[in-house]
PDB file of N, CA and C in Angstrom:
ATOM      1  N   UNK A   1      15.044   5.370 -38.319  1.00  0.00           N
ATOM      2  CA  UNK A   1      13.799   5.709 -38.835  1.00  0.00           C
ATOM      3  C   UNK A   1      14.136   5.590 -40.525  1.00  0.00           C
ATOM      4  N   UNK A   2      13.171   4.820 -41.229  1.00  0.00           N
ATOM      5  CA  UNK A   2      13.362   4.662 -42.642  1.00  0.00           C
ATOM      6  C   UNK A   2      13.076   6.184 -43.571  1.00  0.00           C
ATOM      7  N   UNK A   3      13.353   6.213 -44.426  1.00  0.00           N
ATOM      8  CA  UNK A   3      13.246   7.425 -45.451  1.00  0.00           C
ATOM      9  C   UNK A   3      11.898   6.968 -45.912  1.00  0.00           C
ATOM     10  N   UNK A   4      11.064   7.976 -46.248  1.00  0.00           N
ATOM     11  CA  UNK A   4       9.778   7.870 -46.965  1.00  0.00           C
ATOM     12  C   UNK A   4      10.213   8.093 -48.044  1.00  0.00           C
ATOM     13  N   UNK A   5       9.485   7.165 -49.059  1.00  0.00           N
ATOM     14  CA  UNK A   5       9.250   7.401 -50.413  1.00  0.00           C
ATOM     15  C   UNK A   5       7.899   8.146 -50.924  1.00  0.00           C
ATOM     16  N   UNK A   6       8.370   9.322 -50.804  1.00  0.00           N
ATOM     17  CA  UNK A   6       7.323  10.345 -51.275  1.00  0.00           C
ATOM     18  C   UNK A   6       6.310  10.274 -52.597  1.00  0.00           C
ATOM     19  N   UNK A   7       7.319   9.735 -53.436  1.00  0.00           N
ATOM     20  CA  UNK A   7       6.340   9.633 -54.836  1.00  0.00           C
ATOM     21  C   UNK A   7       5.276   8.525 -54.617  1.00  0.00           C
ATOM     22  N   UNK A   8       5.652   7.567 -53.879  1.00  0.00           N
ATOM     23  CA  UNK A   8       4.485   6.445 -53.305  1.00  0.00           C
ATOM     24  C   UNK A   8       3.193   6.863 -53.047  1.00  0.00           C
ATOM     25  N   UNK A   9       2.176   6.522 -53.654  1.00  0.00           N
ATOM     26  CA  UNK A   9       0.428   6.993 -53.121  1.00  0.00           C
ATOM     27  C   UNK A   9       0.080   5.861 -52.698  1.00  0.00           C
ATOM     28  N   UNK A  10       0.773   4.839 -52.199  1.00  0.00           N
ATOM     29  CA  UNK A  10      -0.228   3.620 -51.722  1.00  0.00           C
ATOM     30  C   UNK A  10      -0.650   3.900 -50.300  1.00  0.00           C
ATOM     31  N   UNK A  11      -1.670   2.544 -49.597  1.00  0.00           N
ATOM     32  CA  UNK A  11      -2.141   2.676 -48.524  1.00  0.00           C
ATOM     33  C   UNK A  11      -3.334   4.031 -48.278  1.00  0.00           C
ATOM     34  N   UNK A  12      -3.152   4.639 -46.912  1.00  0.00           N
ATOM     35  CA  UNK A  12      -3.940   5.537 -46.608  1.00  0.00           C
ATOM     36  C   UNK A  12      -3.905   6.772 -47.366  1.00  0.00           C
ATOM     37  N   UNK A  13      -3.207   7.052 -48.063  1.00  0.00           N
ATOM     38  CA  UNK A  13      -2.788   8.483 -48.842  1.00  0.00           C
ATOM     39  C   UNK A  13      -2.984   7.885 -50.173  1.00  0.00           C
ATOM     40  N   UNK A  14      -3.750   7.020 -50.545  1.00  0.00           N
ATOM     41  CA  UNK A  14      -3.455   6.626 -51.932  1.00  0.00           C
ATOM     42  C   UNK A  14      -4.423   7.290 -52.843  1.00  0.00           C
ATOM     43  N   UNK A  15      -4.400   7.372 -54.150  1.00  0.00           N
ATOM     44  CA  UNK A  15      -4.899   8.359 -55.003  1.00  0.00           C
ATOM     45  C   UNK A  15      -6.189   7.673 -55.526  1.00  0.00           C
ATOM     46  N   UNK A  16      -7.180   8.386 -55.211  1.00  0.00           N
ATOM     47  CA  UNK A  16      -8.795   7.388 -55.607  1.00  0.00           C
ATOM     48  C   UNK A  16      -9.572   7.953 -57.010  1.00  0.00           C
ATOM     49  N   UNK A  17      -8.658   7.880 -58.098  1.00  0.00           N
ATOM     50  CA  UNK A  17      -9.105   8.502 -58.956  1.00  0.00           C
ATOM     51  C   UNK A  17      -9.817   9.863 -59.493  1.00  0.00           C
ATOM     52  N   UNK A  18      -9.425  10.482 -58.813  1.00  0.00           N
ATOM     53  CA  UNK A  18      -9.671  11.862 -58.536  1.00  0.00           C
ATOM     54  C   UNK A  18     -10.834  12.544 -57.864  1.00  0.00           C
ATOM     55  N   UNK A  19     -11.430  11.584 -56.770  1.00  0.00           N
ATOM     56  CA  UNK A  19     -11.920  11.690 -55.617  1.00  0.00           C
ATOM     57  C   UNK A  19     -11.178  12.560 -54.797  1.00  0.00           C
ATOM     58  N   UNK A  20     -11.797  13.326 -53.782  1.00  0.00           N
ATOM     59  CA  UNK A  20     -11.228  13.746 -52.797  1.00  0.00           C
ATOM     60  C   UNK A  20     -10.725  12.621 -51.737  1.00  0.00           C
ATOM     61  N   UNK A  21      -9.165  12.314 -51.262  1.00  0.00           N
ATOM     62  CA  UNK A  21      -8.926  11.544 -50.650  1.00  0.00           C
ATOM     63  C   UNK A  21      -9.845  11.056 -49.198  1.00  0.00           C
ATOM     64  N   UNK A  22     -10.171  12.536 -48.697  1.00  0.00           N
ATOM     65  CA  UNK A  22     -10.897  12.336 -47.492  1.00  0.00           C
ATOM     66  C   UNK A  22     -12.409  12.577 -47.143  1.00  0.00           C
ATOM     67  N   UNK A  23     -13.054  12.208 -48.654  1.00  0.00           N
ATOM     68  CA  UNK A  23     -14.471  12.392 -48.940  1.00  0.00           C
ATOM     69  C   UNK A  23     -15.037  11.070 -47.794  1.00  0.00           C
ATOM     70  N   UNK A  24     -16.133  11.812 -46.945  1.00  0.00           N
ATOM     71  CA  UNK A  24     -16.745  10.811 -45.788  1.00  0.00           C
ATOM     72  C   UNK A  24     -16.116  10.535 -44.761  1.00  0.00           C
ATOM     73  N   UNK A  25     -14.935  10.936 -44.313  1.00  0.00           N
ATOM     74  CA  UNK A  25     -14.339  10.992 -42.954  1.00  0.00           C
ATOM     75  C   UNK A  25     -14.204  12.613 -42.553  1.00  0.00           C
ATOM     76  N   UNK A  26     -14.494  12.570 -41.239  1.00  0.00           N
ATOM     77  CA  UNK A  26     -14.433  13.931 -40.443  1.00  0.00           C
ATOM     78  C   UNK A  26     -12.979  14.113 -40.135  1.00  0.00           C
ATOM     79  N   UNK A  27     -12.887  15.310 -39.835  1.00  0.00           N
ATOM     80  CA  UNK A  27     -11.234  16.056 -39.541  1.00  0.00           C
ATOM     81  C   UNK A  27     -10.782  14.935 -38.214  1.00  0.00           C
ATOM     82  N   UNK A  28     -11.750  14.783 -36.994  1.00  0.00           N
ATOM     83  CA  UNK A  28     -11.563  14.529 -35.906  1.00  0.00           C
ATOM     84  C   UNK A  28     -11.405  12.600 -36.411  1.00  0.00           C
ATOM     85  N   UNK A  29     -12.205  12.232 -36.982  1.00  0.00           N
ATOM     86  CA  UNK A  29     -11.857  10.774 -37.378  1.00  0.00           C
ATOM     87  C   UNK A  29     -10.646  10.546 -38.163  1.00  0.00           C
ATOM     88  N   UNK A  30      -9.985  11.509 -39.075  1.00  0.00           N
ATOM     89  CA  UNK A  30      -8.577  11.232 -39.463  1.00  0.00           C
ATOM     90  C   UNK A  30      -7.718  11.250 -38.703  1.00  0.00           C
ATOM     91  N   UNK A  31      -7.783  12.422 -37.448  1.00  0.00           N
ATOM     92  CA  UNK A  31      -6.928  12.276 -36.525  1.00  0.00           C
ATOM     93  C   UNK A  31      -6.839  11.020 -35.485  1.00  0.00           C
ATOM     94  N   UNK A  32      -8.122  10.548 -35.377  1.00  0.00           N
ATOM     95  CA  UNK A  32      -8.073   9.175 -34.571  1.00  0.00           C
ATOM     96  C   UNK A  32      -7.619   8.118 -35.431  1.00  0.00           C
ATOM     97  N   UNK A  33      -7.785   8.024 -36.587  1.00  0.00           N
ATOM     98  CA  UNK A  33      -6.926   7.066 -37.464  1.00  0.00           C
ATOM     99  C   UNK A  33      -5.220   7.472 -37.128  1.00  0.00           C
ATOM    100  N   UNK A  34      -4.904   8.395 -37.572  1.00  0.00           N
ATOM    101  CA  UNK A  34      -3.370   8.824 -37.373  1.00  0.00           C
ATOM    102  C   UNK A  34      -3.012   8.502 -36.269  1.00  0.00           C
ATOM    103  N   UNK A  35      -3.643   8.826 -35.261  1.00  0.00           N
ATOM    104  CA  UNK A  35      -2.563   8.314 -33.787  1.00  0.00           C
ATOM    105  C   UNK A  35      -3.034   6.949 -33.157  1.00  0.00           C
ATOM    106  N   UNK A  36      -4.055   6.211 -33.966  1.00  0.00           N
ATOM    107  CA  UNK A  36      -3.877   4.904 -33.919  1.00  0.00           C
ATOM    108  C   UNK A  36      -2.732   4.254 -34.686  1.00  0.00           C
ATOM    109  N   UNK A  37      -2.088   4.663 -35.560  1.00  0.00           N
ATOM    110  CA  UNK A  37      -1.015   4.039 -36.203  1.00  0.00           C
ATOM    111  C   UNK A  37       0.058   4.089 -35.431  1.00  0.00           C
ATOM    112  N   UNK A  38       1.359   3.325 -35.809  1.00  0.00           N
ATOM    113  CA  UNK A  38       2.304   3.108 -35.188  1.00  0.00           C
ATOM    114  C   UNK A  38       3.378   4.174 -35.124  1.00  0.00           C
ATOM    115  N   UNK A  39       4.051   4.758 -34.274  1.00  0.00           N
ATOM    116  CA  UNK A  39       4.949   6.008 -34.467  1.00  0.00           C
ATOM    117  C   UNK A  39       5.736   6.177 -35.536  1.00  0.00           C
ATOM    118  N   UNK A  40       6.332   4.917 -35.915  1.00  0.00           N
ATOM    119  CA  UNK A  40       6.797   4.846 -37.230  1.00  0.00           C
ATOM    120  C   UNK A  40       6.316   5.537 -38.386  1.00  0.00           C
ATOM    121  N   UNK A  41       5.098   4.865 -38.645  1.00  0.00           N
ATOM    122  CA  UNK A  41       4.136   5.338 -39.640  1.00  0.00           C
ATOM    123  C   UNK A  41       3.688   6.911 -39.388  1.00  0.00           C
ATOM    124  N   UNK A  42       3.149   7.256 -38.429  1.00  0.00           N
ATOM    125  CA  UNK A  42       2.916   8.358 -37.982  1.00  0.00           C
ATOM    126  C   UNK A  42       3.931   9.566 -38.475  1.00  0.00           C
ATOM    127  N   UNK A  43       5.255   8.663 -38.210  1.00  0.00           N
ATOM    128  CA  UNK A  43       6.178  10.346 -38.602  1.00  0.00           C
ATOM    129  C   UNK A  43       6.805  10.063 -40.136  1.00  0.00           C
ATOM    130  N   UNK A  44       6.530   8.995 -40.910  1.00  0.00           N
ATOM    131  CA  UNK A  44       6.332   8.921 -42.231  1.00  0.00           C
ATOM    132  C   UNK A  44       5.342   9.632 -42.996  1.00  0.00           C
ATOM    133  N   UNK A  45       4.318   9.634 -42.019  1.00  0.00           N
ATOM    134  CA  UNK A  45       3.098  10.546 -42.862  1.00  0.00           C
ATOM    135  C   UNK A  45       3.342  12.046 -42.693  1.00  0.00           C
ATOM    136  N   UNK A  46       3.769  12.296 -41.746  1.00  0.00           N
ATOM    137  CA  UNK A  46       4.241  13.952 -41.378  1.00  0.00           C
ATOM    138  C   UNK A  46       5.215  13.804 -42.412  1.00  0.00           C
ATOM    139  N   UNK A  47       6.068  13.254 -42.538  1.00  0.00           N
ATOM    140  CA  UNK A  47       7.227  13.574 -43.936  1.00  0.00           C
ATOM    141  C   UNK A  47       6.553  13.523 -45.012  1.00  0.00           C
ATOM    142  N   UNK A  48       5.713  12.665 -45.531  1.00  0.00           N
ATOM    143  CA  UNK A  48       4.729  12.815 -46.662  1.00  0.00           C
ATOM    144  C   UNK A  48       4.030  14.020 -47.090  1.00  0.00           C
ATOM    145  N   UNK A  49       3.376  14.689 -46.076  1.00  0.00           N
ATOM    146  CA  UNK A  49       2.446  15.695 -45.938  1.00  0.00           C
ATOM    147  C   UNK A  49       3.368  16.764 -45.963  1.00  0.00           C
ATOM    148  N   UNK A  50       4.538  16.941 -45.277  1.00  0.00           N
ATOM    149  CA  UNK A  50       5.458  18.279 -45.474  1.00  0.00           C
ATOM    150  C   UNK A  50       5.879  18.203 -47.328  1.00  0.00           C
ATOM    151  N   UNK A  51       6.597  17.238 -47.631  1.00  0.00           N
ATOM    152  CA  UNK A  51       6.864  17.249 -48.807  1.00  0.00           C
ATOM    153  C   UNK A  51       5.529  17.757 -49.662  1.00  0.00           C
ATOM    154  N   UNK A  52       4.463  17.306 -49.605  1.00  0.00           N
ATOM    155  CA  UNK A  52       3.675  17.557 -50.529  1.00  0.00           C
ATOM    156  C   UNK A  52       3.227  19.231 -50.479  1.00  0.00           C
ATOM    157  N   UNK A  53       3.316  19.733 -49.303  1.00  0.00           N
ATOM    158  CA  UNK A  53       2.951  20.988 -48.880  1.00  0.00           C
ATOM    159  C   UNK A  53       4.097  21.905 -49.634  1.00  0.00           C
ATOM    160  N   UNK A  54       5.285  21.444 -49.509  1.00  0.00           N
ATOM    161  CA  UNK A  54       6.647  22.039 -50.283  1.00  0.00           C
ATOM    162  C   UNK A  54       6.397  22.053 -51.709  1.00  0.00           C
ATOM    163  N   UNK A  55       5.986  20.835 -52.232  1.00  0.00           N
ATOM    164  CA  UNK A  55       5.501  20.813 -53.711  1.00  0.00           C
ATOM    165  C   UNK A  55       4.446  21.459 -54.000  1.00  0.00           C
ATOM    166  N   UNK A  56       3.459  21.897 -53.813  1.00  0.00           N
ATOM    167  CA  UNK A  56       2.377  22.555 -53.678  1.00  0.00           C
ATOM    168  C   UNK A  56       2.847  23.723 -53.744  1.00  0.00           C
ATOM    169  N   UNK A  57       3.433  24.629 -52.868  1.00  0.00           N
ATOM    170  CA  UNK A  57       3.895  26.070 -52.636  1.00  0.00           C
ATOM    171  C   UNK A  57       4.829  26.178 -54.315  1.00  0.00           C
ATOM    172  N   UNK A  58       5.528  25.205 -54.156  1.00  0.00           N
ATOM    173  CA  UNK A  58       6.159  25.530 -55.884  1.00  0.00           C
ATOM    174  C   UNK A  58       5.496  25.854 -56.990  1.00  0.00           C
ATOM    175  N   UNK A  59       4.498  24.917 -57.036  1.00  0.00           N
ATOM    176  CA  UNK A  59       3.399  25.020 -58.258  1.00  0.00           C
ATOM    177  C   UNK A  59       2.913  26.213 -58.193  1.00  0.00           C
ATOM    178  N   UNK A  60       2.353  26.841 -57.087  1.00  0.00           N
ATOM    179  CA  UNK A  60       1.659  28.168 -57.229  1.00  0.00           C
ATOM    180  C   UNK A  60       2.466  29.188 -57.909  1.00  0.00           C
TER     181      UNK A  60
END
């Protein structure tokens, strides 16, 4: 499995100029989108989310 580049904000997790990234998408829709991704992309997404949670905890 490839290592994720956590600093990258391209694609589905892009920064939208201050808007909420999931604006207009329900939690269920987000899960459906994630489940439709190939396994490698889902694993990368999990790594990115875990990394961001760790960073947010450090900032508190």
